[in-house]
């Protein structure tokens, strides 16, 4: 898995400012990054969408660099978690995007 950070151009290409290669040995671990939309629920049980992926949080989710209460529509986050059978990501970690 690679993580690319950078500016997206008009053609959709990303001018990478940072590339991280990740291999945590857990094939069920998924990551999605971008702006929160469709936020619902109350802390710690939130549901929101990031780049078309539905994300859920629980009391076991670690919020890194952001509190649960500060996650709002438009907040740029990096989410790691387990992909569920329905395509939802059950977040194990939510952190602010750099």
Protein backbone atom coordinates (compact mmCIF):
# COMPACT_ATOMS: atom_id res chain seq x y z
CA UNK A 1 0.00 0.00 0.00
CA UNK A 2 1.22 3.48 -0.75
CA UNK A 3 0.11 6.80 0.63
CA UNK A 4 0.58 9.83 -1.61
CA UNK A 5 0.24 13.42 -0.43
CA UNK A 6 0.35 16.37 -2.77
CA UNK A 7 -1.60 18.83 -4.87
CA UNK A 8 -4.15 17.58 -7.38
CA UNK A 9 -3.94 19.24 -10.79
CA UNK A 10 -6.81 20.16 -13.10
CA UNK A 11 -6.26 16.90 -15.01
CA UNK A 12 -6.66 14.84 -11.81
CA UNK A 13 -2.96 13.95 -11.53
CA UNK A 14 -1.29 14.42 -8.17
CA UNK A 15 2.04 16.25 -7.90
CA UNK A 16 3.37 14.20 -4.99
CA UNK A 17 5.10 16.00 -2.17
CA UNK A 18 5.37 12.82 -0.10
CA UNK A 19 5.03 9.10 -0.82
CA UNK A 20 4.94 6.51 1.96
CA UNK A 21 5.10 2.78 1.30
CA UNK A 22 3.22 0.90 3.99
CA UNK A 23 3.23 -2.83 4.66
CA UNK A 24 1.67 -3.65 7.99
CA UNK A 25 0.95 -7.27 7.09
CA UNK A 26 -2.78 -6.81 7.66
CA UNK A 27 -4.64 -7.21 4.36
CA UNK A 28 -7.94 -6.21 6.00
CA UNK A 29 -6.56 -2.82 7.09
CA UNK A 30 -7.82 -0.07 4.81
CA UNK A 31 -7.05 3.61 4.57
CA UNK A 32 -9.02 6.46 3.09
CA UNK A 33 -8.18 10.16 3.19
CA UNK A 34 -10.03 13.32 2.33
CA UNK A 35 -12.76 15.66 3.47
CA UNK A 36 -15.54 14.45 5.77
CA UNK A 37 -19.08 14.70 4.37
CA UNK A 38 -22.52 13.47 5.45
CA UNK A 39 -21.55 13.49 9.13
CA UNK A 40 -24.13 12.05 11.53
CA UNK A 41 -24.22 10.58 15.03
CA UNK A 42 -22.75 11.72 18.33
CA UNK A 43 -19.32 11.08 19.78
CA UNK A 44 -17.90 8.56 19.87
CA UNK A 45 -20.32 6.86 17.44
CA UNK A 46 -19.99 8.83 14.21
CA UNK A 47 -20.85 7.92 10.64
CA UNK A 48 -19.45 9.91 7.73
CA UNK A 49 -18.21 9.58 4.17
CA UNK A 50 -14.68 10.15 2.85
CA UNK A 51 -14.14 9.88 -0.93
CA UNK A 52 -17.29 7.80 -1.35
CA UNK A 53 -16.41 5.40 1.49
CA UNK A 54 -18.73 5.20 4.49
CA UNK A 55 -16.77 5.33 7.77
CA UNK A 56 -17.97 4.48 11.27
CA UNK A 57 -16.30 5.24 14.60
CA UNK A 58 -16.79 3.74 18.06
CA UNK A 59 -15.47 4.21 21.59
CA UNK A 60 -12.48 2.10 20.48
CA UNK A 61 -11.49 4.48 17.67
CA UNK A 62 -8.30 6.46 18.34
CA UNK A 63 -8.57 10.14 17.39
CA UNK A 64 -5.07 11.43 16.63
CA UNK A 65 -4.48 15.18 16.29
CA UNK A 66 -8.22 15.82 16.40
CA UNK A 67 -10.91 15.16 18.99
CA UNK A 68 -14.06 13.31 18.06
CA UNK A 69 -16.05 16.50 18.65
CA UNK A 70 -13.88 18.43 16.15
CA UNK A 71 -14.61 16.05 13.27
CA UNK A 72 -17.02 18.03 11.11
CA UNK A 73 -18.09 18.16 7.49
CA UNK A 74 -15.16 19.55 5.52
CA UNK A 75 -12.49 18.40 7.99
CA UNK A 76 -9.64 16.65 6.11
CA UNK A 77 -8.89 13.32 7.76
CA UNK A 78 -6.87 10.18 7.25
CA UNK A 79 -8.85 7.11 8.36
CA UNK A 80 -7.47 3.63 8.99
CA UNK A 81 -9.70 0.70 9.77
CA UNK A 82 -11.18 -2.64 8.89
CA UNK A 83 -13.21 -2.98 5.69
CA UNK A 84 -16.58 -4.57 6.44
CA UNK A 85 -18.57 -6.88 4.14
CA UNK A 86 -20.85 -3.97 3.16
CA UNK A 87 -17.85 -1.82 2.12
CA UNK A 88 -17.96 0.38 5.23
CA UNK A 89 -14.66 1.06 7.02
CA UNK A 90 -14.86 0.55 10.80
CA UNK A 91 -12.28 3.14 11.85
CA UNK A 92 -9.51 2.13 14.23
CA UNK A 93 -7.78 5.52 13.83
CA UNK A 94 -8.88 8.95 12.61
CA UNK A 95 -6.26 11.68 12.29
CA UNK A 96 -6.02 15.10 10.72
CA UNK A 97 -4.52 15.05 7.24
CA UNK A 98 -1.19 16.86 6.88
